[in-house]
Amino acid sequence: MPDWRLTVRHGSEVESRRFKDLEGAVTEMERQAREFAAEPPLGEVSMLGDWTAEDRIHARLQIARDLLRGPAAGVDVRGDGRIVPYRGRALRRELGPTGGSVFDAVREALR
């Protein structure tokens, strides 16, 4: 079974860790995403348009099998504290409700 890589982007910091199984990677993603969501909300920014806290990405956490190929999915922690699941790499698609948590949606997208 291939390793899973969790990449965490928070501000200018990027951290990457490997996990032997998907469950370990998702558990760590959930722990870190909840910590980021609990931080104070981001303010509004006016730069080439107006960006509210809900428009801004506070942190992006992504799980993939390798750097360039294979499935990828993760969550964006928005500036207002919402955690939004997505699938894909450069062309991300927001995942809709699955009946479970946003982290369940990530698990399903990677299976």
N, C-alpha and C. Protein backbone atom coordinates (compact mmCIF):
# COMPACT_ATOMS: atom_id res chain seq x y z
N MET A 1 0.86 -1.18 0.00
CA MET A 1 0.00 0.00 0.00
C MET A 1 0.90 1.24 0.00
N PRO A 2 0.62 2.21 -0.85
CA PRO A 2 1.47 3.40 -0.93
C PRO A 2 1.29 4.32 0.28
N ASP A 3 2.31 5.10 0.50
CA ASP A 3 2.24 6.10 1.56
C ASP A 3 1.32 7.24 1.13
N TRP A 4 0.81 7.95 2.12
CA TRP A 4 0.00 9.14 1.89
C TRP A 4 0.78 10.33 2.40
N ARG A 5 0.73 11.44 1.67
CA ARG A 5 1.43 12.66 2.07
C ARG A 5 0.39 13.72 2.44
N LEU A 6 0.55 14.28 3.64
CA LEU A 6 -0.28 15.40 4.09
C LEU A 6 0.56 16.66 3.96
N THR A 7 0.09 17.60 3.14
CA THR A 7 0.76 18.89 2.98
C THR A 7 -0.11 19.96 3.62
N VAL A 8 0.49 20.74 4.50
CA VAL A 8 -0.23 21.79 5.23
C VAL A 8 0.37 23.13 4.85
N ARG A 9 -0.47 24.03 4.31
CA ARG A 9 -0.06 25.39 3.99
C ARG A 9 -0.82 26.34 4.92
N HIS A 10 -0.06 27.08 5.71
CA HIS A 10 -0.66 28.01 6.67
C HIS A 10 0.17 29.27 6.62
N GLY A 11 -0.41 30.33 6.06
CA GLY A 11 0.37 31.54 5.84
C GLY A 11 1.49 31.25 4.87
N SER A 12 2.71 31.64 5.21
CA SER A 12 3.85 31.39 4.33
C SER A 12 4.54 30.06 4.64
N GLU A 13 4.05 29.34 5.63
CA GLU A 13 4.66 28.07 6.03
C GLU A 13 4.04 26.90 5.28
N VAL A 14 4.90 25.97 4.85
CA VAL A 14 4.46 24.74 4.20
C VAL A 14 5.14 23.58 4.91
N GLU A 15 4.34 22.61 5.33
CA GLU A 15 4.85 21.44 6.04
C GLU A 15 4.30 20.20 5.35
N SER A 16 5.11 19.16 5.23
CA SER A 16 4.68 17.92 4.60
C SER A 16 5.09 16.74 5.47
N ARG A 17 4.15 15.82 5.67
CA ARG A 17 4.42 14.59 6.43
C ARG A 17 3.87 13.40 5.69
N ARG A 18 4.50 12.25 5.88
CA ARG A 18 4.05 11.01 5.26
C ARG A 18 3.39 10.11 6.30
N PHE A 19 2.37 9.37 5.83
CA PHE A 19 1.64 8.43 6.68
C PHE A 19 1.51 7.11 5.94
N LYS A 20 1.55 6.02 6.68
CA LYS A 20 1.44 4.69 6.08
C LYS A 20 0.02 4.38 5.62
N ASP A 21 -0.96 4.99 6.30
CA ASP A 21 -2.34 4.71 5.90
C ASP A 21 -3.16 5.99 5.80
N LEU A 22 -4.24 5.90 5.08
CA LEU A 22 -5.11 7.05 4.85
C LEU A 22 -5.72 7.54 6.16
N GLU A 23 -6.11 6.64 7.02
CA GLU A 23 -6.77 7.04 8.27
C GLU A 23 -5.86 7.91 9.13
N GLY A 24 -4.59 7.56 9.22
CA GLY A 24 -3.65 8.37 9.99
C GLY A 24 -3.51 9.77 9.42
N ALA A 25 -3.47 9.88 8.09
CA ALA A 25 -3.34 11.18 7.44
C ALA A 25 -4.59 12.03 7.67
N VAL A 26 -5.77 11.42 7.56
CA VAL A 26 -7.02 12.17 7.75
C VAL A 26 -7.17 12.60 9.22
N THR A 27 -6.78 11.74 10.13
CA THR A 27 -6.86 12.09 11.56
C THR A 27 -5.99 13.30 11.87
N GLU A 28 -4.77 13.31 11.33
CA GLU A 28 -3.88 14.46 11.56
C GLU A 28 -4.40 15.70 10.86
N MET A 29 -4.96 15.54 9.65
CA MET A 29 -5.54 16.69 8.94
C MET A 29 -6.68 17.29 9.77
N GLU A 30 -7.53 16.45 10.31
CA GLU A 30 -8.66 16.95 11.10
C GLU A 30 -8.16 17.70 12.34
N ARG A 31 -7.15 17.15 13.03
CA ARG A 31 -6.62 17.79 14.22
C ARG A 31 -6.09 19.19 13.90
N GLN A 32 -5.28 19.28 12.84
CA GLN A 32 -4.69 20.57 12.49
C GLN A 32 -5.72 21.55 11.96
N ALA A 33 -6.66 21.07 11.14
CA ALA A 33 -7.69 21.96 10.58
C ALA A 33 -8.54 22.56 11.69
N ARG A 34 -8.88 21.77 12.68
CA ARG A 34 -9.69 22.29 13.80
C ARG A 34 -8.90 23.33 14.60
N GLU A 35 -7.59 23.14 14.74
CA GLU A 35 -6.76 24.15 15.42
C GLU A 35 -6.76 25.47 14.64
N PHE A 36 -6.58 25.40 13.32
CA PHE A 36 -6.59 26.60 12.49
C PHE A 36 -7.95 27.28 12.53
N ALA A 37 -9.02 26.49 12.51
CA ALA A 37 -10.38 27.06 12.51
C ALA A 37 -10.67 27.79 13.82
N ALA A 38 -10.00 27.39 14.90
CA ALA A 38 -10.22 28.02 16.20
C ALA A 38 -9.44 29.34 16.36
N GLU A 39 -8.53 29.62 15.43
CA GLU A 39 -7.78 30.87 15.50
C GLU A 39 -8.70 32.06 15.19
N PRO A 40 -8.31 33.26 15.58
CA PRO A 40 -9.15 34.43 15.31
C PRO A 40 -9.43 34.58 13.81
N PRO A 41 -10.61 35.09 13.45
CA PRO A 41 -10.96 35.24 12.04
C PRO A 41 -10.04 36.23 11.32
N LEU A 42 -9.90 36.02 10.02
CA LEU A 42 -9.13 36.95 9.20
C LEU A 42 -9.98 38.17 8.89
N GLY A 43 -9.34 39.30 8.69
CA GLY A 43 -10.06 40.52 8.34
C GLY A 43 -10.31 40.61 6.85
N GLU A 44 -11.06 41.62 6.47
CA GLU A 44 -11.34 41.88 5.05
C GLU A 44 -10.11 42.52 4.42
N VAL A 45 -9.87 42.21 3.15
CA VAL A 45 -8.73 42.75 2.42
C VAL A 45 -9.24 43.38 1.13
N SER A 46 -8.72 44.55 0.79
CA SER A 46 -9.03 45.19 -0.48
C SER A 46 -7.75 45.25 -1.31
N MET A 47 -7.67 44.34 -2.27
CA MET A 47 -6.52 44.28 -3.16
C MET A 47 -7.01 43.62 -4.45
N LEU A 48 -7.10 44.40 -5.50
CA LEU A 48 -7.69 43.90 -6.76
C LEU A 48 -9.09 43.36 -6.51
N GLY A 49 -9.82 44.01 -5.64
CA GLY A 49 -11.16 43.59 -5.27
C GLY A 49 -11.27 43.51 -3.77
N ASP A 50 -12.46 43.26 -3.29
CA ASP A 50 -12.70 43.14 -1.86
C ASP A 50 -12.85 41.67 -1.49
N TRP A 51 -12.12 41.24 -0.48
CA TRP A 51 -12.12 39.84 -0.04
C TRP A 51 -12.55 39.78 1.42
N THR A 52 -13.68 39.17 1.67
CA THR A 52 -14.16 39.02 3.04
C THR A 52 -13.47 37.82 3.69
N ALA A 53 -13.67 37.66 4.99
CA ALA A 53 -13.07 36.53 5.71
C ALA A 53 -13.53 35.20 5.10
N GLU A 54 -14.79 35.11 4.71
CA GLU A 54 -15.27 33.84 4.15
C GLU A 54 -14.67 33.55 2.77
N ASP A 55 -14.20 34.58 2.06
CA ASP A 55 -13.54 34.39 0.76
C ASP A 55 -12.08 33.96 0.92
N ARG A 56 -11.47 34.34 2.01
CA ARG A 56 -10.03 34.11 2.18
C ARG A 56 -9.73 32.70 2.70
N ILE A 57 -8.57 32.16 2.28
CA ILE A 57 -8.12 30.86 2.75
C ILE A 57 -7.11 31.09 3.87
N HIS A 58 -7.44 30.60 5.05
CA HIS A 58 -6.56 30.74 6.21
C HIS A 58 -5.49 29.63 6.20
N ALA A 59 -5.91 28.41 5.81
CA ALA A 59 -4.99 27.28 5.72
C ALA A 59 -5.55 26.30 4.70
N ARG A 60 -4.65 25.59 4.02
CA ARG A 60 -5.05 24.55 3.07
C ARG A 60 -4.30 23.28 3.46
N LEU A 61 -5.06 22.20 3.63
CA LEU A 61 -4.50 20.91 4.00
C LEU A 61 -4.89 19.91 2.93
N GLN A 62 -3.91 19.23 2.36
CA GLN A 62 -4.17 18.33 1.23
C GLN A 62 -3.49 16.99 1.46
N ILE A 63 -4.21 15.93 1.12
CA ILE A 63 -3.66 14.57 1.19
C ILE A 63 -3.58 14.03 -0.23
N ALA A 64 -2.43 13.42 -0.55
CA ALA A 64 -2.24 12.83 -1.87
C ALA A 64 -1.32 11.62 -1.73
N ARG A 65 -1.36 10.74 -2.73
CA ARG A 65 -0.48 9.57 -2.70
C ARG A 65 0.94 9.94 -3.08
N ASP A 66 1.11 10.84 -4.02
CA ASP A 66 2.44 11.33 -4.38
C ASP A 66 2.31 12.77 -4.84
N LEU A 67 3.41 13.39 -5.20
CA LEU A 67 3.40 14.81 -5.50
C LEU A 67 2.67 15.17 -6.79
N LEU A 68 2.73 14.32 -7.82
CA LEU A 68 2.21 14.72 -9.12
C LEU A 68 1.04 13.89 -9.65
N ARG A 69 0.90 12.66 -9.19
CA ARG A 69 -0.15 11.79 -9.75
C ARG A 69 -1.00 11.20 -8.64
N GLY A 70 -2.05 10.54 -9.05
CA GLY A 70 -2.91 9.88 -8.09
C GLY A 70 -3.94 10.83 -7.51
N PRO A 71 -4.82 10.29 -6.69
CA PRO A 71 -5.89 11.11 -6.12
C PRO A 71 -5.35 12.12 -5.12
N ALA A 72 -6.04 13.23 -5.02
CA ALA A 72 -5.72 14.27 -4.03
C ALA A 72 -7.03 14.89 -3.56
N ALA A 73 -7.09 15.17 -2.28
CA ALA A 73 -8.26 15.83 -1.69
C ALA A 73 -7.81 16.47 -0.39
N GLY A 74 -8.61 17.39 0.10
CA GLY A 74 -8.25 18.05 1.34
C GLY A 74 -9.32 19.00 1.81
N VAL A 75 -8.90 19.93 2.65
CA VAL A 75 -9.82 20.93 3.18
C VAL A 75 -9.16 22.30 3.14
N ASP A 76 -9.99 23.30 2.92
CA ASP A 76 -9.59 24.70 3.07
C ASP A 76 -10.21 25.19 4.37
N VAL A 77 -9.41 25.80 5.22
CA VAL A 77 -9.93 26.47 6.41
C VAL A 77 -10.09 27.92 6.00
N ARG A 78 -11.32 28.38 5.91
CA ARG A 78 -11.60 29.74 5.47
C ARG A 78 -11.33 30.74 6.59
N GLY A 79 -11.23 31.98 6.21
CA GLY A 79 -10.92 33.05 7.15
C GLY A 79 -11.97 33.24 8.23
N ASP A 80 -13.18 32.73 7.99
CA ASP A 80 -14.25 32.84 9.00
C ASP A 80 -14.34 31.58 9.87
N GLY A 81 -13.39 30.64 9.69
CA GLY A 81 -13.37 29.43 10.50
C GLY A 81 -14.05 28.22 9.90
N ARG A 82 -14.75 28.41 8.77
CA ARG A 82 -15.40 27.25 8.12
C ARG A 82 -14.34 26.32 7.55
N ILE A 83 -14.64 25.02 7.54
CA ILE A 83 -13.76 24.01 6.96
C ILE A 83 -14.49 23.44 5.75
N VAL A 84 -13.92 23.62 4.55
CA VAL A 84 -14.57 23.26 3.30
C VAL A 84 -13.77 22.17 2.60
N PRO A 85 -14.37 20.99 2.33
CA PRO A 85 -13.64 19.91 1.67
C PRO A 85 -13.58 20.10 0.15
N TYR A 86 -12.52 19.59 -0.46
CA TYR A 86 -12.38 19.65 -1.91
C TYR A 86 -11.64 18.41 -2.40
N ARG A 87 -11.71 18.19 -3.72
CA ARG A 87 -10.91 17.14 -4.35
C ARG A 87 -10.18 17.76 -5.52
N GLY A 88 -9.05 17.16 -5.87
CA GLY A 88 -8.26 17.66 -6.98
C GLY A 88 -7.02 18.38 -6.49
N ARG A 89 -6.20 18.76 -7.46
CA ARG A 89 -4.94 19.44 -7.14
C ARG A 89 -5.06 20.90 -7.58
N ALA A 90 -4.54 21.22 -8.75
CA ALA A 90 -4.60 22.61 -9.24
C ALA A 90 -6.04 23.00 -9.56
N LEU A 91 -6.80 22.08 -10.11
CA LEU A 91 -8.22 22.33 -10.40
C LEU A 91 -9.05 21.65 -9.32
N ARG A 92 -9.30 22.38 -8.25
CA ARG A 92 -10.03 21.84 -7.12
C ARG A 92 -11.54 21.99 -7.32
N ARG A 93 -12.27 20.98 -6.87
CA ARG A 93 -13.73 21.02 -6.88
C ARG A 93 -14.21 20.84 -5.44
N GLU A 94 -15.04 21.77 -5.01
CA GLU A 94 -15.59 21.67 -3.66
C GLU A 94 -16.47 20.43 -3.59
N LEU A 95 -16.36 19.69 -2.49
CA LEU A 95 -17.16 18.48 -2.29
C LEU A 95 -18.47 18.85 -1.58
N GLY A 96 -19.55 18.25 -2.04
CA GLY A 96 -20.85 18.50 -1.42
C GLY A 96 -21.04 17.64 -0.19
N PRO A 97 -22.16 17.80 0.49
CA PRO A 97 -22.44 17.03 1.70
C PRO A 97 -22.51 15.53 1.39
N THR A 98 -21.99 14.73 2.32
CA THR A 98 -22.00 13.28 2.14
C THR A 98 -22.82 12.58 3.21
N GLY A 99 -23.39 13.33 4.13
CA GLY A 99 -24.10 12.73 5.24
C GLY A 99 -23.20 12.56 6.46
N GLY A 100 -21.90 12.79 6.27
CA GLY A 100 -20.95 12.71 7.37
C GLY A 100 -20.25 14.05 7.54
N SER A 101 -19.07 13.98 8.09
CA SER A 101 -18.30 15.20 8.31
C SER A 101 -17.55 15.59 7.04
N VAL A 102 -16.96 16.78 7.04
CA VAL A 102 -16.15 17.21 5.90
C VAL A 102 -14.96 16.26 5.74
N PHE A 103 -14.49 15.68 6.82
CA PHE A 103 -13.35 14.77 6.76
C PHE A 103 -13.76 13.41 6.20
N ASP A 104 -15.02 13.02 6.42
CA ASP A 104 -15.55 11.81 5.78
C ASP A 104 -15.60 12.01 4.26
N ALA A 105 -15.93 13.22 3.82
CA ALA A 105 -15.98 13.52 2.38
C ALA A 105 -14.58 13.38 1.77
N VAL A 106 -13.56 13.81 2.50
CA VAL A 106 -12.17 13.66 2.02
C VAL A 106 -11.80 12.20 1.93
N ARG A 107 -12.14 11.42 2.96
CA ARG A 107 -11.87 9.97 2.94
C ARG A 107 -12.48 9.33 1.70
N GLU A 108 -13.76 9.62 1.47
CA GLU A 108 -14.47 9.03 0.33
C GLU A 108 -13.81 9.43 -1.00
N ALA A 109 -13.40 10.67 -1.12
CA ALA A 109 -12.78 11.13 -2.37
C ALA A 109 -11.46 10.43 -2.63
N LEU A 110 -10.79 9.95 -1.59
CA LEU A 110 -9.48 9.33 -1.77
C LEU A 110 -9.54 7.81 -1.84
N ARG A 111 -10.70 7.23 -1.63
CA ARG A 111 -10.83 5.77 -1.71
C ARG A 111 -11.05 5.33 -3.13
